Protein backbone atom coordinates (compact mmCIF):
# COMPACT_ATOMS: atom_id res chain seq x y z
CA UNK A 1 -29.18 3.14 -58.10
CA UNK A 2 -28.08 -0.14 -56.55
CA UNK A 3 -24.35 0.29 -56.03
CA UNK A 4 -23.81 -3.47 -55.91
CA UNK A 5 -25.60 -4.43 -59.10
CA UNK A 6 -26.03 -1.31 -61.22
CA UNK A 7 -23.07 0.89 -60.35
CA UNK A 8 -20.41 -1.11 -58.52
CA UNK A 9 -17.47 1.32 -58.29
CA UNK A 10 -14.57 -1.17 -58.01
CA UNK A 11 -13.07 -4.10 -59.87
CA UNK A 12 -14.58 -7.45 -58.86
CA UNK A 13 -11.03 -8.56 -58.11
CA UNK A 14 -9.88 -5.41 -56.27
CA UNK A 15 -9.60 -7.26 -52.93
CA UNK A 16 -8.94 -10.80 -54.13
CA UNK A 17 -6.79 -12.75 -51.62
CA UNK A 18 -7.42 -10.14 -48.94
CA UNK A 19 -9.15 -11.18 -45.71
CA UNK A 20 -11.51 -8.60 -44.20
CA UNK A 21 -12.69 -8.91 -40.58
CA UNK A 22 -15.79 -6.76 -40.07
CA UNK A 23 -17.35 -6.12 -36.68
CA UNK A 24 -20.94 -4.96 -36.25
CA UNK A 25 -21.64 -6.69 -39.56
CA UNK A 26 -25.19 -7.91 -38.98
CA UNK A 27 -26.90 -4.68 -40.03
CA UNK A 28 -26.50 -1.10 -41.17
CA UNK A 29 -23.17 0.18 -42.43
CA UNK A 30 -21.35 -2.93 -41.20
CA UNK A 31 -23.57 -5.19 -43.32
CA UNK A 32 -23.25 -2.86 -46.32
CA UNK A 33 -19.45 -2.95 -45.95
CA UNK A 34 -19.47 -6.75 -45.89
CA UNK A 35 -21.51 -6.78 -49.10
CA UNK A 36 -19.26 -4.25 -50.82
CA UNK A 37 -16.00 -5.98 -49.89
CA UNK A 38 -17.38 -9.38 -50.87
CA UNK A 39 -18.35 -7.96 -54.25
CA UNK A 40 -14.76 -6.70 -54.57
CA UNK A 41 -13.48 -10.26 -54.15
CA UNK A 42 -12.39 -10.27 -50.50
CA UNK A 43 -12.63 -13.17 -48.12
CA UNK A 44 -14.98 -11.72 -45.49
CA UNK A 45 -15.45 -12.71 -41.87
CA UNK A 46 -18.54 -11.03 -40.43
CA UNK A 47 -18.82 -10.61 -36.66
CA UNK A 48 -21.73 -9.58 -34.46
CA UNK A 49 -23.84 -10.88 -31.59
CA UNK A 50 -26.85 -11.94 -33.67
CA UNK A 51 -26.02 -15.26 -35.35
CA UNK A 52 -29.34 -15.52 -37.21
CA UNK A 53 -28.86 -12.12 -38.83
CA UNK A 54 -25.29 -12.99 -39.77
CA UNK A 55 -26.35 -16.26 -41.36
CA UNK A 56 -29.09 -14.54 -43.36
CA UNK A 57 -26.59 -11.98 -44.59
CA UNK A 58 -24.06 -14.70 -45.47
CA UNK A 59 -26.66 -16.50 -47.59
CA UNK A 60 -27.39 -13.26 -49.45
CA UNK A 61 -23.73 -12.44 -50.04
CA UNK A 62 -22.86 -15.97 -51.18
CA UNK A 63 -25.08 -15.43 -54.22
CA UNK A 64 -22.41 -13.21 -55.75
CA UNK A 65 -19.24 -13.53 -53.64
CA UNK A 66 -16.09 -15.01 -55.17
CA UNK A 67 -14.19 -15.16 -51.87
CA UNK A 68 -14.94 -17.16 -48.75
CA UNK A 69 -17.67 -15.73 -46.50
CA UNK A 70 -17.81 -16.78 -42.85
CA UNK A 71 -19.50 -15.61 -39.66
CA UNK A 72 -18.36 -15.42 -36.05
CA UNK A 73 -20.53 -14.45 -33.08
CA UNK A 74 -18.93 -12.19 -30.52
CA UNK A 75 -19.97 -9.75 -27.81
CA UNK A 76 -17.40 -6.96 -27.82
CA UNK A 77 -18.27 -6.07 -24.24
CA UNK A 78 -16.85 -9.44 -23.18
CA UNK A 79 -13.16 -8.68 -23.70
CA UNK A 80 -12.09 -12.03 -22.29
CA UNK A 81 -13.75 -13.84 -25.23
CA UNK A 82 -12.20 -11.79 -28.02
CA UNK A 83 -8.80 -13.48 -28.17
CA UNK A 84 -10.43 -16.91 -28.38
CA UNK A 85 -12.57 -15.71 -31.28
CA UNK A 86 -9.52 -14.26 -33.02
CA UNK A 87 -7.69 -17.57 -32.51
CA UNK A 88 -10.46 -19.30 -34.46
CA UNK A 89 -10.40 -16.69 -37.21
CA UNK A 90 -6.63 -16.85 -37.67
CA UNK A 91 -6.32 -20.63 -37.45
CA UNK A 92 -9.24 -21.37 -39.79
CA UNK A 93 -9.05 -18.48 -42.23
CA UNK A 94 -5.51 -17.11 -42.09
CA UNK A 95 -4.13 -13.61 -41.54
CA UNK A 96 -6.43 -10.60 -41.49
CA UNK A 97 -5.50 -7.82 -43.93
CA UNK A 98 -8.47 -5.49 -43.36
CA UNK A 99 -9.98 -4.71 -39.96
CA UNK A 100 -13.25 -2.80 -39.65
CA UNK A 101 -13.84 -1.60 -36.08
CA UNK A 102 -17.55 -0.97 -35.71
CA UNK A 103 -20.14 -1.34 -32.97
CA UNK A 104 -23.51 0.05 -31.96
CA UNK A 105 -23.51 3.50 -30.45
CA UNK A 106 -24.68 4.42 -26.94
CA UNK A 107 -28.15 5.86 -26.18
CA UNK A 108 -28.81 9.53 -26.77
CA UNK A 109 -29.26 12.21 -24.14
CA UNK A 110 -27.42 15.14 -22.53
CA UNK A 111 -23.93 14.29 -21.30
CA UNK A 112 -24.61 15.29 -17.69
CA UNK A 113 -27.53 12.87 -17.53
CA UNK A 114 -24.94 10.06 -17.57
CA UNK A 115 -23.11 8.80 -14.51
CA UNK A 116 -19.62 7.31 -14.71
CA UNK A 117 -21.00 3.76 -14.96
CA UNK A 118 -22.81 4.66 -18.20
CA UNK A 119 -19.44 5.10 -19.90
CA UNK A 120 -18.19 1.58 -19.19
CA UNK A 121 -20.09 -0.57 -21.70
CA UNK A 122 -19.82 1.79 -24.72
CA UNK A 123 -16.11 2.42 -24.14
CA UNK A 124 -15.52 -1.31 -23.69
CA UNK A 125 -17.18 -2.41 -26.93
CA UNK A 126 -15.68 0.45 -28.94
CA UNK A 127 -12.33 1.74 -27.74
CA UNK A 128 -11.16 -1.09 -25.51
CA UNK A 129 -12.21 -3.85 -27.91
CA UNK A 130 -10.73 -2.05 -30.92
CA UNK A 131 -7.43 -1.64 -29.10
CA UNK A 132 -7.30 -5.29 -28.07
CA UNK A 133 -8.16 -6.51 -31.57
CA UNK A 134 -5.73 -4.15 -33.27
CA UNK A 135 -2.84 -5.18 -31.00
CA UNK A 136 -3.55 -8.80 -31.83
CA UNK A 137 -3.84 -8.41 -35.61
CA UNK A 138 -1.19 -5.85 -36.55
CA UNK A 139 1.78 -8.29 -36.24
CA UNK A 140 0.13 -10.48 -38.86
CA UNK A 141 -0.54 -7.49 -41.10
CA UNK A 142 3.09 -6.49 -40.84
CA UNK A 143 4.20 -10.04 -41.72
CA UNK A 144 1.86 -9.99 -44.73
CA UNK A 145 3.10 -6.56 -45.80
CA UNK A 146 -0.46 -5.22 -45.93
CA UNK A 147 -2.86 -3.77 -43.40
CA UNK A 148 -5.91 -1.53 -43.46
CA UNK A 149 -7.67 -0.54 -40.23
CA UNK A 150 -10.86 1.50 -40.49
CA UNK A 151 -13.14 2.76 -37.74
CA UNK A 152 -16.80 3.53 -38.45
CA UNK A 153 -17.54 6.34 -36.00
CA UNK A 154 -19.43 9.64 -36.47
CA UNK A 155 -19.32 13.20 -37.75
CA UNK A 156 -19.49 14.22 -34.09
CA UNK A 157 -15.69 13.82 -34.16
CA UNK A 158 -15.63 17.19 -35.93
CA UNK A 159 -18.86 18.78 -34.71
CA UNK A 160 -20.56 17.40 -31.58
CA UNK A 161 -24.20 16.46 -32.18
CA UNK A 162 -26.79 17.85 -29.74
CA UNK A 163 -28.38 15.31 -27.39
CA UNK A 164 -25.67 12.70 -28.06
CA UNK A 165 -23.23 13.66 -25.31
CA UNK A 166 -21.90 10.20 -24.45
CA UNK A 167 -21.62 9.19 -28.10
CA UNK A 168 -19.80 12.44 -28.95
CA UNK A 169 -17.28 11.77 -26.17
CA UNK A 170 -16.71 8.17 -27.23
CA UNK A 171 -16.33 8.92 -30.94
CA UNK A 172 -13.81 11.65 -30.20
CA UNK A 173 -11.75 9.22 -28.14
CA UNK A 174 -11.81 6.68 -30.98
CA UNK A 175 -10.65 9.26 -33.50
CA UNK A 176 -7.76 10.41 -31.28
CA UNK A 177 -6.77 6.78 -30.66
CA UNK A 178 -6.62 6.14 -34.41
CA UNK A 179 -4.70 9.33 -35.13
CA UNK A 180 -2.13 8.40 -32.48
CA UNK A 181 -1.72 4.94 -33.98
CA UNK A 182 -1.27 6.42 -37.45
CA UNK A 183 2.11 7.73 -36.25
CA UNK A 184 3.15 4.39 -34.76
CA UNK A 185 2.03 1.62 -37.10
CA UNK A 186 4.32 -0.05 -39.63
CA UNK A 187 4.42 1.77 -43.00
CA UNK A 188 2.47 -1.04 -44.68
CA UNK A 189 -0.50 -0.55 -42.33
CA UNK A 190 -2.87 2.40 -42.62
CA UNK A 191 -5.51 3.45 -40.12
CA UNK A 192 -8.37 5.82 -40.90
CA UNK A 193 -11.84 6.76 -39.69
CA UNK A 194 -15.05 7.05 -41.66
CA UNK A 195 -17.60 9.49 -40.23
CA UNK A 196 -21.16 8.67 -41.30
CA UNK A 197 -23.75 11.42 -41.31
CA UNK A 198 -27.50 10.88 -41.32
CA UNK A 199 -27.62 7.40 -42.83
CA UNK A 200 -30.63 5.22 -43.62
CA UNK A 201 -30.08 2.63 -40.86
CA UNK A 202 -31.87 1.21 -37.81
CA UNK A 203 -29.51 3.26 -35.63
CA UNK A 204 -30.96 6.49 -37.02
CA UNK A 205 -34.50 5.24 -36.38
CA UNK A 206 -33.48 4.41 -32.81
CA UNK A 207 -32.08 7.91 -32.29
CA UNK A 208 -35.25 9.47 -33.68
CA UNK A 209 -37.35 7.44 -31.26
CA UNK A 210 -35.09 8.43 -28.38
CA UNK A 211 -35.39 12.13 -29.24
CA UNK A 212 -39.17 11.74 -29.62
CA UNK A 213 -39.45 10.26 -26.13
CA UNK A 214 -37.23 12.88 -24.53
CA UNK A 215 -38.54 15.99 -26.32
CA UNK A 216 -42.04 15.16 -27.55
CA UNK A 217 -41.15 16.12 -31.11
CA UNK A 218 -42.80 13.94 -33.75
CA UNK A 219 -40.66 11.50 -35.74
CA UNK A 220 -41.49 13.42 -38.92
CA UNK A 221 -40.46 16.72 -37.32
CA UNK A 222 -37.17 15.14 -36.22
CA UNK A 223 -36.46 13.80 -39.69
CA UNK A 224 -37.31 17.13 -41.32
CA UNK A 225 -34.95 18.87 -38.92
CA UNK A 226 -32.18 16.51 -39.93
CA UNK A 227 -32.80 16.90 -43.65
CA UNK A 228 -32.75 20.67 -43.29
CA UNK A 229 -29.06 20.32 -42.36
CA UNK A 230 -28.07 18.14 -45.33
CA UNK A 231 -27.37 19.77 -48.72
CA UNK A 232 -28.17 16.56 -50.64
CA UNK A 233 -31.63 16.64 -48.97
CA UNK A 234 -31.80 12.90 -48.33
CA UNK A 235 -30.41 10.23 -46.07
CA UNK A 236 -27.13 8.62 -47.09
CA UNK A 237 -27.42 5.07 -48.45
CA UNK A 238 -25.32 2.69 -46.29
CA UNK A 239 -23.74 1.36 -49.48
CA UNK A 240 -22.42 4.86 -50.24
CA UNK A 241 -20.63 4.83 -46.91
CA UNK A 242 -19.45 1.27 -47.55
CA UNK A 243 -17.95 2.37 -50.86
CA UNK A 244 -15.79 4.95 -49.04
CA UNK A 245 -14.74 2.32 -46.49
CA UNK A 246 -13.87 -0.14 -49.25
CA UNK A 247 -11.77 2.45 -51.07
CA UNK A 248 -9.72 2.99 -47.91
CA UNK A 249 -9.12 -0.77 -47.82
CA UNK A 250 -7.68 -0.96 -51.35
CA UNK A 251 -3.96 -1.17 -52.16
CA UNK A 252 -4.18 2.20 -53.93
CA UNK A 253 -5.19 3.92 -50.67
CA UNK A 254 -1.81 3.37 -49.01
CA UNK A 255 -0.99 7.11 -48.85
CA UNK A 256 -4.20 7.91 -46.93
CA UNK A 257 -3.34 7.58 -43.27
CA UNK A 258 -4.75 9.06 -40.09
CA UNK A 259 -7.69 10.87 -41.69
CA UNK A 260 -11.31 11.18 -40.61
CA UNK A 261 -13.42 11.09 -43.76
CA UNK A 262 -17.00 12.36 -43.52
CA UNK A 263 -19.67 10.69 -45.66
CA UNK A 264 -22.46 13.01 -44.61
CA UNK A 265 -24.06 14.59 -47.66
CA UNK A 266 -22.32 17.88 -46.89
CA UNK A 267 -23.86 18.36 -43.42
CA UNK A 268 -20.61 19.38 -41.69
CA UNK A 269 -20.00 23.12 -41.86
CA UNK A 270 -16.28 23.10 -41.17
CA UNK A 271 -13.60 22.58 -43.83
């Protein structure tokens, strides 16, 4: 079922007059979230490094969007450019009500195969960039009386995933950062994490290829191993994850604060 056209789960005006700033929006869950929030009536600013991909996505979304859809190119590893980009967003499009912190994950491999330098770029584009952006935008959210901050991270926050040592470490740091902020932010601003499981995205294909190269296992064997861990016996559709993210952005979600919500088809074993 196409959740946008055949089973859209929200009112088409659920996010009218809300401005959503979505990072990592050119593909995967970020792109699905942009589509879902646009369908719910939000003004959406999509950010990523690939301008061509963003423009293609904007053309697709504009076929059904009722809010304003814009794109901004940014490299989250270049922290010195972020404030300038946010200046343009705020001056041209107004306050941001919904912030989606999302960026590509680091390469796979055992943790001890990484040296200290390998941590720098992933932590910069995830934790450091998210902190800088959040500090900049939360005063405006408070002035507007409405803020929703959502991180797209990983189920490894709850159960570390084998052969993803650096990613596991990074995602755990992001989750603890968000939980700490949940005790500090103004009451009108919520912050939560969404933890995708095995999702039908390019990122999962990349991880399968990485495991294939490191272990010699076939891509099919890797996929079958993954599916053997998932009670729904299929990959999660990115739009399913985007629906959970969009719910956390709605006014009705104001009592949900500081949680890490898994959208993983039941793969996690812990309660």
